[in-house]
Amino acid sequence: IVSYFPGSNVIWANDSLDITAKVLNDLNREYRESR
């Protein structure tokens, strides 16, 4: 699982491999449930 941001080592990445939305949904859901 690599990190893609300006200046990172990832030169290019296919958007189909982007799991950012899933990660945010999971993390935020778990955080809300923990509260």
PDB file of all heavy atoms in Angstrom:
ATOM      1  N   ILE A   1       0.887  -1.164   0.000  1.00  0.00           N
ATOM      2  CA  ILE A   1       0.000   0.000   0.000  1.00  0.00           C
ATOM      3  C   ILE A   1       0.919   1.207   0.000  1.00  0.00           C
ATOM      4  O   ILE A   1       1.650   1.440   0.966  1.00  0.00           O
ATOM      5  CB  ILE A   1      -0.911   0.045   1.248  1.00  0.00           C
ATOM      6  CG1 ILE A   1      -1.758  -1.223   1.329  1.00  0.00           C
ATOM      7  CG2 ILE A   1      -1.802   1.280   1.208  1.00  0.00           C
ATOM      8  CD1 ILE A   1      -2.584  -1.311   2.608  1.00  0.00           C
ATOM      9  N   VAL A   2       0.902   1.941  -1.094  1.00  0.00           N
ATOM     10  CA  VAL A   2       1.841   3.054  -1.221  1.00  0.00           C
ATOM     11  C   VAL A   2       1.120   4.385  -1.083  1.00  0.00           C
ATOM     12  O   VAL A   2      -0.093   4.485  -1.250  1.00  0.00           O
ATOM     13  CB  VAL A   2       2.612   2.998  -2.557  1.00  0.00           C
ATOM     14  CG1 VAL A   2       3.433   1.730  -2.645  1.00  0.00           C
ATOM     15  CG2 VAL A   2       1.649   3.097  -3.736  1.00  0.00           C
ATOM     16  N   SER A   3       1.898   5.390  -0.774  1.00  0.00           N
ATOM     17  CA  SER A   3       1.364   6.728  -0.558  1.00  0.00           C
ATOM     18  C   SER A   3       1.640   7.597  -1.775  1.00  0.00           C
ATOM     19  O   SER A   3       2.772   7.689  -2.241  1.00  0.00           O
ATOM     20  CB  SER A   3       2.025   7.337   0.686  1.00  0.00           C
ATOM     21  OG  SER A   3       1.645   8.679   0.843  1.00  0.00           O
ATOM     22  N   TYR A   4       0.587   8.223  -2.288  1.00  0.00           N
ATOM     23  CA  TYR A   4       0.715   9.046  -3.487  1.00  0.00           C
ATOM     24  C   TYR A   4       0.384  10.481  -3.118  1.00  0.00           C
ATOM     25  O   TYR A   4      -0.732  10.804  -2.721  1.00  0.00           O
ATOM     26  CB  TYR A   4      -0.248   8.530  -4.573  1.00  0.00           C
ATOM     27  CG  TYR A   4      -0.120   9.217  -5.924  1.00  0.00           C
ATOM     28  CD1 TYR A   4       1.076   9.773  -6.331  1.00  0.00           C
ATOM     29  CD2 TYR A   4      -1.213   9.286  -6.787  1.00  0.00           C
ATOM     30  CE1 TYR A   4       1.194  10.380  -7.567  1.00  0.00           C
ATOM     31  CE2 TYR A   4      -1.109   9.894  -8.027  1.00  0.00           C
ATOM     32  CZ  TYR A   4       0.099  10.438  -8.416  1.00  0.00           C
ATOM     33  OH  TYR A   4       0.215  11.044  -9.637  1.00  0.00           O
ATOM     34  N   PHE A   5       1.372  11.349  -3.208  1.00  0.00           N
ATOM     35  CA  PHE A   5       1.180  12.774  -2.937  1.00  0.00           C
ATOM     36  C   PHE A   5       2.272  13.526  -3.690  1.00  0.00           C
ATOM     37  O   PHE A   5       3.285  12.938  -4.101  1.00  0.00           O
ATOM     38  CB  PHE A   5       1.241  13.073  -1.438  1.00  0.00           C
ATOM     39  CG  PHE A   5       2.549  12.701  -0.779  1.00  0.00           C
ATOM     40  CD1 PHE A   5       3.564  13.629  -0.624  1.00  0.00           C
ATOM     41  CD2 PHE A   5       2.750  11.412  -0.309  1.00  0.00           C
ATOM     42  CE1 PHE A   5       4.759  13.279  -0.033  1.00  0.00           C
ATOM     43  CE2 PHE A   5       3.952  11.061   0.293  1.00  0.00           C
ATOM     44  CZ  PHE A   5       4.957  11.993   0.432  1.00  0.00           C
ATOM     45  N   PRO A   6       2.103  14.818  -3.931  1.00  0.00           N
ATOM     46  CA  PRO A   6       3.113  15.589  -4.655  1.00  0.00           C
ATOM     47  C   PRO A   6       4.498  15.446  -4.017  1.00  0.00           C
ATOM     48  O   PRO A   6       4.668  15.660  -2.821  1.00  0.00           O
ATOM     49  CB  PRO A   6       2.599  17.034  -4.532  1.00  0.00           C
ATOM     50  CG  PRO A   6       1.130  16.883  -4.398  1.00  0.00           C
ATOM     51  CD  PRO A   6       0.919  15.633  -3.582  1.00  0.00           C
ATOM     52  N   GLY A   7       5.458  15.037  -4.821  1.00  0.00           N
ATOM     53  CA  GLY A   7       6.807  14.854  -4.317  1.00  0.00           C
ATOM     54  C   GLY A   7       7.115  13.452  -3.851  1.00  0.00           C
ATOM     55  O   GLY A   7       8.246  13.154  -3.463  1.00  0.00           O
ATOM     56  N   SER A   8       6.111  12.550  -3.884  1.00  0.00           N
ATOM     57  CA  SER A   8       6.355  11.176  -3.453  1.00  0.00           C
ATOM     58  C   SER A   8       7.100  10.409  -4.542  1.00  0.00           C
ATOM     59  O   SER A   8       7.305  10.903  -5.652  1.00  0.00           O
ATOM     60  CB  SER A   8       5.031  10.480  -3.139  1.00  0.00           C
ATOM     61  OG  SER A   8       4.290  10.261  -4.326  1.00  0.00           O
ATOM     62  N   ASN A   9       7.500   9.169  -4.220  1.00  0.00           N
ATOM     63  CA  ASN A   9       8.215   8.336  -5.190  1.00  0.00           C
ATOM     64  C   ASN A   9       7.310   7.756  -6.268  1.00  0.00           C
ATOM     65  O   ASN A   9       7.792   7.162  -7.226  1.00  0.00           O
ATOM     66  CB  ASN A   9       8.922   7.181  -4.462  1.00  0.00           C
ATOM     67  CG  ASN A   9      10.120   7.664  -3.668  1.00  0.00           C
ATOM     68  OD1 ASN A   9      10.636   8.750  -3.909  1.00  0.00           O
ATOM     69  ND2 ASN A   9      10.546   6.872  -2.707  1.00  0.00           N
ATOM     70  N   VAL A  10       6.005   7.878  -6.081  1.00  0.00           N
ATOM     71  CA  VAL A  10       5.070   7.354  -7.078  1.00  0.00           C
ATOM     72  C   VAL A  10       4.987   8.353  -8.232  1.00  0.00           C
ATOM     73  O   VAL A  10       4.474   9.458  -8.072  1.00  0.00           O
ATOM     74  CB  VAL A  10       3.678   7.121  -6.473  1.00  0.00           C
ATOM     75  CG1 VAL A  10       2.729   6.570  -7.532  1.00  0.00           C
ATOM     76  CG2 VAL A  10       3.763   6.179  -5.285  1.00  0.00           C
ATOM     77  N   ILE A  11       5.475   7.968  -9.388  1.00  0.00           N
ATOM     78  CA  ILE A  11       5.486   8.853 -10.550  1.00  0.00           C
ATOM     79  C   ILE A  11       4.107   8.961 -11.178  1.00  0.00           C
ATOM     80  O   ILE A  11       3.663  10.037 -11.590  1.00  0.00           O
ATOM     81  CB  ILE A  11       6.500   8.344 -11.607  1.00  0.00           C
ATOM     82  CG1 ILE A  11       7.878   8.162 -10.971  1.00  0.00           C
ATOM     83  CG2 ILE A  11       6.572   9.308 -12.785  1.00  0.00           C
ATOM     84  CD1 ILE A  11       8.441   9.428 -10.342  1.00  0.00           C
ATOM     85  N   TRP A  12       3.424   7.838 -11.258  1.00  0.00           N
ATOM     86  CA  TRP A  12       2.088   7.800 -11.861  1.00  0.00           C
ATOM     87  C   TRP A  12       1.354   6.605 -11.278  1.00  0.00           C
ATOM     88  O   TRP A  12       1.957   5.597 -10.926  1.00  0.00           O
ATOM     89  CB  TRP A  12       2.197   7.678 -13.380  1.00  0.00           C
ATOM     90  CG  TRP A  12       0.868   7.597 -14.077  1.00  0.00           C
ATOM     91  CD1 TRP A  12       0.095   8.631 -14.519  1.00  0.00           C
ATOM     92  CD2 TRP A  12       0.145   6.400 -14.425  1.00  0.00           C
ATOM     93  NE1 TRP A  12      -1.051   8.174 -15.112  1.00  0.00           N
ATOM     94  CE2 TRP A  12      -1.052   6.801 -15.071  1.00  0.00           C
ATOM     95  CE3 TRP A  12       0.377   5.043 -14.243  1.00  0.00           C
ATOM     96  CZ2 TRP A  12      -1.991   5.892 -15.533  1.00  0.00           C
ATOM     97  CZ3 TRP A  12      -0.552   4.137 -14.705  1.00  0.00           C
ATOM     98  CH2 TRP A  12      -1.716   4.570 -15.348  1.00  0.00           C
ATOM     99  N   ALA A  13       0.040   6.713 -11.176  1.00  0.00           N
ATOM    100  CA  ALA A  13      -0.750   5.597 -10.659  1.00  0.00           C
ATOM    101  C   ALA A  13      -2.112   5.571 -11.333  1.00  0.00           C
ATOM    102  O   ALA A  13      -2.724   6.614 -11.568  1.00  0.00           O
ATOM    103  CB  ALA A  13      -0.925   5.714  -9.144  1.00  0.00           C
ATOM    104  N   ASN A  14      -2.559   4.373 -11.681  1.00  0.00           N
ATOM    105  CA  ASN A  14      -3.872   4.185 -12.276  1.00  0.00           C
ATOM    106  C   ASN A  14      -4.941   4.438 -11.221  1.00  0.00           C
ATOM    107  O   ASN A  14      -4.889   3.876 -10.123  1.00  0.00           O
ATOM    108  CB  ASN A  14      -3.982   2.746 -12.808  1.00  0.00           C
ATOM    109  CG  ASN A  14      -5.213   2.552 -13.662  1.00  0.00           C
ATOM    110  OD1 ASN A  14      -6.293   3.015 -13.308  1.00  0.00           O
ATOM    111  ND2 ASN A  14      -5.044   1.849 -14.776  1.00  0.00           N
ATOM    112  N   ASP A  15      -5.911   5.265 -11.536  1.00  0.00           N
ATOM    113  CA  ASP A  15      -6.948   5.620 -10.569  1.00  0.00           C
ATOM    114  C   ASP A  15      -7.733   4.412 -10.069  1.00  0.00           C
ATOM    115  O   ASP A  15      -8.328   4.466  -8.985  1.00  0.00           O
ATOM    116  CB  ASP A  15      -7.923   6.638 -11.177  1.00  0.00           C
ATOM    117  CG  ASP A  15      -7.306   8.031 -11.269  1.00  0.00           C
ATOM    118  OD1 ASP A  15      -6.294   8.273 -10.572  1.00  0.00           O
ATOM    119  OD2 ASP A  15      -7.825   8.869 -12.025  1.00  0.00           O
ATOM    120  N   SER A  16      -7.740   3.343 -10.850  1.00  0.00           N
ATOM    121  CA  SER A  16      -8.476   2.154 -10.412  1.00  0.00           C
ATOM    122  C   SER A  16      -7.827   1.506  -9.186  1.00  0.00           C
ATOM    123  O   SER A  16      -8.453   0.692  -8.505  1.00  0.00           O
ATOM    124  CB  SER A  16      -8.538   1.131 -11.552  1.00  0.00           C
ATOM    125  OG  SER A  16      -7.248   0.633 -11.863  1.00  0.00           O
ATOM    126  N   LEU A  17      -6.575   1.871  -8.894  1.00  0.00           N
ATOM    127  CA  LEU A  17      -5.869   1.324  -7.740  1.00  0.00           C
ATOM    128  C   LEU A  17      -5.986   2.227  -6.512  1.00  0.00           C
ATOM    129  O   LEU A  17      -5.447   1.903  -5.458  1.00  0.00           O
ATOM    130  CB  LEU A  17      -4.383   1.132  -8.078  1.00  0.00           C
ATOM    131  CG  LEU A  17      -4.068   0.265  -9.298  1.00  0.00           C
ATOM    132  CD1 LEU A  17      -2.573   0.249  -9.561  1.00  0.00           C
ATOM    133  CD2 LEU A  17      -4.597  -1.145  -9.105  1.00  0.00           C
ATOM    134  N   ASP A  18      -6.711   3.319  -6.661  1.00  0.00           N
ATOM    135  CA  ASP A  18      -6.852   4.298  -5.575  1.00  0.00           C
ATOM    136  C   ASP A  18      -7.895   3.813  -4.565  1.00  0.00           C
ATOM    137  O   ASP A  18      -9.069   3.654  -4.896  1.00  0.00           O
ATOM    138  CB  ASP A  18      -7.277   5.646  -6.166  1.00  0.00           C
ATOM    139  CG  ASP A  18      -7.322   6.755  -5.127  1.00  0.00           C
ATOM    140  OD1 ASP A  18      -7.115   6.467  -3.942  1.00  0.00           O
ATOM    141  OD2 ASP A  18      -7.571   7.909  -5.528  1.00  0.00           O
ATOM    142  N   ILE A  19      -7.472   3.575  -3.329  1.00  0.00           N
ATOM    143  CA  ILE A  19      -8.407   3.124  -2.289  1.00  0.00           C
ATOM    144  C   ILE A  19      -8.633   4.209  -1.230  1.00  0.00           C
ATOM    145  O   ILE A  19      -9.108   3.919  -0.131  1.00  0.00           O
ATOM    146  CB  ILE A  19      -7.908   1.831  -1.615  1.00  0.00           C
ATOM    147  CG1 ILE A  19      -6.560   2.070  -0.911  1.00  0.00           C
ATOM    148  CG2 ILE A  19      -7.811   0.694  -2.617  1.00  0.00           C
ATOM    149  CD1 ILE A  19      -6.137   0.903  -0.013  1.00  0.00           C
ATOM    150  N   THR A  20      -8.317   5.451  -1.577  1.00  0.00           N
ATOM    151  CA  THR A  20      -8.439   6.539  -0.600  1.00  0.00           C
ATOM    152  C   THR A  20      -9.856   6.659  -0.051  1.00  0.00           C
ATOM    153  O   THR A  20     -10.051   6.808   1.172  1.00  0.00           O
ATOM    154  CB  THR A  20      -8.024   7.874  -1.231  1.00  0.00           C
ATOM    155  OG1 THR A  20      -6.698   7.756  -1.766  1.00  0.00           O
ATOM    156  CG2 THR A  20      -8.053   8.995  -0.206  1.00  0.00           C
ATOM    157  N   ALA A  21     -10.858   6.621  -0.926  1.00  0.00           N
ATOM    158  CA  ALA A  21     -12.248   6.775  -0.485  1.00  0.00           C
ATOM    159  C   ALA A  21     -12.637   5.673   0.496  1.00  0.00           C
ATOM    160  O   ALA A  21     -13.272   5.931   1.525  1.00  0.00           O
ATOM    161  CB  ALA A  21     -13.183   6.776  -1.689  1.00  0.00           C
ATOM    162  N   LYS A  22     -12.253   4.438   0.183  1.00  0.00           N
ATOM    163  CA  LYS A  22     -12.562   3.317   1.079  1.00  0.00           C
ATOM    164  C   LYS A  22     -11.867   3.504   2.419  1.00  0.00           C
ATOM    165  O   LYS A  22     -12.473   3.286   3.485  1.00  0.00           O
ATOM    166  CB  LYS A  22     -12.122   1.996   0.448  1.00  0.00           C
ATOM    167  CG  LYS A  22     -12.180   0.820   1.423  1.00  0.00           C
ATOM    168  CD  LYS A  22     -11.696  -0.469   0.809  1.00  0.00           C
ATOM    169  CE  LYS A  22     -11.528  -1.563   1.850  1.00  0.00           C
ATOM    170  NZ  LYS A  22     -12.674  -1.742   2.753  1.00  0.00           N
ATOM    171  N   VAL A  23     -10.599   3.897   2.374  1.00  0.00           N
ATOM    172  CA  VAL A  23      -9.835   4.084   3.611  1.00  0.00           C
ATOM    173  C   VAL A  23     -10.497   5.140   4.493  1.00  0.00           C
ATOM    174  O   VAL A  23     -10.690   4.937   5.695  1.00  0.00           O
ATOM    175  CB  VAL A  23      -8.380   4.479   3.294  1.00  0.00           C
ATOM    176  CG1 VAL A  23      -7.652   4.946   4.556  1.00  0.00           C
ATOM    177  CG2 VAL A  23      -7.643   3.300   2.668  1.00  0.00           C
ATOM    178  N   LEU A  24     -10.859   6.266   3.890  1.00  0.00           N
ATOM    179  CA  LEU A  24     -11.496   7.338   4.660  1.00  0.00           C
ATOM    180  C   LEU A  24     -12.848   6.896   5.228  1.00  0.00           C
ATOM    181  O   LEU A  24     -13.163   7.183   6.384  1.00  0.00           O
ATOM    182  CB  LEU A  24     -11.671   8.579   3.783  1.00  0.00           C
ATOM    183  CG  LEU A  24     -10.420   9.424   3.586  1.00  0.00           C
ATOM    184  CD1 LEU A  24     -10.656  10.498   2.525  1.00  0.00           C
ATOM    185  CD2 LEU A  24      -9.988  10.070   4.905  1.00  0.00           C
ATOM    186  N   ASN A  25     -13.631   6.208   4.412  1.00  0.00           N
ATOM    187  CA  ASN A  25     -14.932   5.725   4.888  1.00  0.00           C
ATOM    188  C   ASN A  25     -14.763   4.771   6.069  1.00  0.00           C
ATOM    189  O   ASN A  25     -15.476   4.875   7.082  1.00  0.00           O
ATOM    190  CB  ASN A  25     -15.687   5.024   3.751  1.00  0.00           C
ATOM    191  CG  ASN A  25     -16.222   5.995   2.729  1.00  0.00           C
ATOM    192  OD1 ASN A  25     -16.429   7.173   3.029  1.00  0.00           O
ATOM    193  ND2 ASN A  25     -16.447   5.523   1.518  1.00  0.00           N
ATOM    194  N   ASP A  26     -13.822   3.845   5.945  1.00  0.00           N
ATOM    195  CA  ASP A  26     -13.593   2.871   7.016  1.00  0.00           C
ATOM    196  C   ASP A  26     -13.079   3.547   8.289  1.00  0.00           C
ATOM    197  O   ASP A  26     -13.589   3.297   9.390  1.00  0.00           O
ATOM    198  CB  ASP A  26     -12.582   1.817   6.554  1.00  0.00           C
ATOM    199  CG  ASP A  26     -13.163   0.879   5.508  1.00  0.00           C
ATOM    200  OD1 ASP A  26     -14.387   0.925   5.284  1.00  0.00           O
ATOM    201  OD2 ASP A  26     -12.375   0.105   4.920  1.00  0.00           O
ATOM    202  N   LEU A  27     -12.067   4.379   8.139  1.00  0.00           N
ATOM    203  CA  LEU A  27     -11.469   5.030   9.304  1.00  0.00           C
ATOM    204  C   LEU A  27     -12.465   5.931  10.020  1.00  0.00           C
ATOM    205  O   LEU A  27     -12.562   5.915  11.252  1.00  0.00           O
ATOM    206  CB  LEU A  27     -10.242   5.837   8.884  1.00  0.00           C
ATOM    207  CG  LEU A  27      -8.994   5.037   8.497  1.00  0.00           C
ATOM    208  CD1 LEU A  27      -7.903   5.982   7.970  1.00  0.00           C
ATOM    209  CD2 LEU A  27      -8.458   4.240   9.679  1.00  0.00           C
ATOM    210  N   ASN A  28     -13.210   6.711   9.249  1.00  0.00           N
ATOM    211  CA  ASN A  28     -14.171   7.628   9.866  1.00  0.00           C
ATOM    212  C   ASN A  28     -15.334   6.870  10.506  1.00  0.00           C
ATOM    213  O   ASN A  28     -15.834   7.256  11.564  1.00  0.00           O
ATOM    214  CB  ASN A  28     -14.683   8.633   8.834  1.00  0.00           C
ATOM    215  CG  ASN A  28     -13.657   9.706   8.524  1.00  0.00           C
ATOM    216  OD1 ASN A  28     -12.840  10.063   9.371  1.00  0.00           O
ATOM    217  ND2 ASN A  28     -13.683  10.228   7.313  1.00  0.00           N
ATOM    218  N   ARG A  29     -15.779   5.782   9.857  1.00  0.00           N
ATOM    219  CA  ARG A  29     -16.857   4.976  10.444  1.00  0.00           C
ATOM    220  C   ARG A  29     -16.399   4.362  11.764  1.00  0.00           C
ATOM    221  O   ARG A  29     -17.118   4.405  12.765  1.00  0.00           O
ATOM    222  CB  ARG A  29     -17.279   3.875   9.473  1.00  0.00           C
ATOM    223  CG  ARG A  29     -18.480   3.064   9.996  1.00  0.00           C
ATOM    224  CD  ARG A  29     -18.802   1.879   9.123  1.00  0.00           C
ATOM    225  NE  ARG A  29     -17.770   0.856   9.181  1.00  0.00           N
ATOM    226  CZ  ARG A  29     -16.917   0.613   8.194  1.00  0.00           C
ATOM    227  NH1 ARG A  29     -16.951   1.325   7.080  1.00  0.00           N
ATOM    228  NH2 ARG A  29     -15.996  -0.327   8.321  1.00  0.00           N
ATOM    229  N   GLU A  30     -15.199   3.809  11.776  1.00  0.00           N
ATOM    230  CA  GLU A  30     -14.686   3.196  13.001  1.00  0.00           C
ATOM    231  C   GLU A  30     -14.497   4.242  14.095  1.00  0.00           C
ATOM    232  O   GLU A  30     -14.752   3.974  15.274  1.00  0.00           O
ATOM    233  CB  GLU A  30     -13.368   2.490  12.703  1.00  0.00           C
ATOM    234  CG  GLU A  30     -13.532   1.259  11.825  1.00  0.00           C
ATOM    235  CD  GLU A  30     -12.196   0.624  11.450  1.00  0.00           C
ATOM    236  OE1 GLU A  30     -11.155   1.110  11.947  1.00  0.00           O
ATOM    237  OE2 GLU A  30     -12.190  -0.344  10.678  1.00  0.00           O
ATOM    238  N   TYR A  31     -14.058   5.417  13.708  1.00  0.00           N
ATOM    239  CA  TYR A  31     -13.860   6.488  14.698  1.00  0.00           C
ATOM    240  C   TYR A  31     -15.186   6.918  15.300  1.00  0.00           C
ATOM    241  O   TYR A  31     -15.309   7.074  16.522  1.00  0.00           O
ATOM    242  CB  TYR A  31     -13.154   7.668  14.038  1.00  0.00           C
ATOM    243  CG  TYR A  31     -13.032   8.870  14.931  1.00  0.00           C
ATOM    244  CD1 TYR A  31     -12.379   8.806  16.158  1.00  0.00           C
ATOM    245  CD2 TYR A  31     -13.580  10.093  14.555  1.00  0.00           C
ATOM    246  CE1 TYR A  31     -12.259   9.906  16.977  1.00  0.00           C
ATOM    247  CE2 TYR A  31     -13.480  11.205  15.376  1.00  0.00           C
ATOM    248  CZ  TYR A  31     -12.809  11.111  16.587  1.00  0.00           C
ATOM    249  OH  TYR A  31     -12.719  12.213  17.405  1.00  0.00           O
ATOM    250  N   ARG A  32     -16.209   7.092  14.447  1.00  0.00           N
ATOM    251  CA  ARG A  32     -17.529   7.509  14.958  1.00  0.00           C
ATOM    252  C   ARG A  32     -18.105   6.451  15.879  1.00  0.00           C
ATOM    253  O   ARG A  32     -18.713   6.761  16.915  1.00  0.00           O
ATOM    254  CB  ARG A  32     -18.469   7.763  13.787  1.00  0.00           C
ATOM    255  CG  ARG A  32     -18.103   8.983  12.950  1.00  0.00           C
ATOM    256  CD  ARG A  32     -18.867   8.985  11.649  1.00  0.00           C
ATOM    257  NE  ARG A  32     -18.340   9.967  10.712  1.00  0.00           N
ATOM    258  CZ  ARG A  32     -18.492   9.889   9.391  1.00  0.00           C
ATOM    259  NH1 ARG A  32     -19.168   8.879   8.875  1.00  0.00           N
ATOM    260  NH2 ARG A  32     -17.972  10.807   8.605  1.00  0.00           N
ATOM    261  N   GLU A  33     -17.927   5.182  15.504  1.00  0.00           N
ATOM    262  CA  GLU A  33     -18.458   4.096  16.340  1.00  0.00           C
ATOM    263  C   GLU A  33     -17.730   4.051  17.688  1.00  0.00           C
ATOM    264  O   GLU A  33     -18.349   3.782  18.716  1.00  0.00           O
ATOM    265  CB  GLU A  33     -18.293   2.764  15.614  1.00  0.00           C
ATOM    266  CG  GLU A  33     -19.232   2.627  14.405  1.00  0.00           C
ATOM    267  CD  GLU A  33     -18.962   1.345  13.613  1.00  0.00           C
ATOM    268  OE1 GLU A  33     -17.952   0.679  13.928  1.00  0.00           O
ATOM    269  OE2 GLU A  33     -19.754   1.049  12.702  1.00  0.00           O
ATOM    270  N   SER A  34     -16.435   4.318  17.686  1.00  0.00           N
ATOM    271  CA  SER A  34     -15.666   4.277  18.939  1.00  0.00           C
ATOM    272  C   SER A  34     -16.092   5.390  19.879  1.00  0.00           C
ATOM    273  O   SER A  34     -16.018   5.241  21.106  1.00  0.00           O
ATOM    274  CB  SER A  34     -14.165   4.385  18.651  1.00  0.00           C
ATOM    275  OG  SER A  34     -13.829   5.679  18.149  1.00  0.00           O
ATOM    276  N   ARG A  35     -16.565   6.502  19.326  1.00  0.00           N
ATOM    277  CA  ARG A  35     -16.981   7.628  20.160  1.00  0.00           C
ATOM    278  C   ARG A  35     -18.336   7.377  20.837  1.00  0.00           C
ATOM    279  O   ARG A  35     -18.665   8.021  21.822  1.00  0.00           O
ATOM    280  CB  ARG A  35     -17.066   8.912  19.315  1.00  0.00           C
ATOM    281  CG  ARG A  35     -15.746   9.343  18.717  1.00  0.00           C
ATOM    282  CD  ARG A  35     -15.875  10.685  18.017  1.00  0.00           C
ATOM    283  NE  ARG A  35     -16.080  11.766  18.982  1.00  0.00           N
ATOM    284  CZ  ARG A  35     -16.249  13.040  18.630  1.00  0.00           C
ATOM    285  NH1 ARG A  35     -16.250  13.384  17.350  1.00  0.00           N
ATOM    286  NH2 ARG A  35     -16.414  13.974  19.552  1.00  0.00           N
TER     287      ARG A  35
END
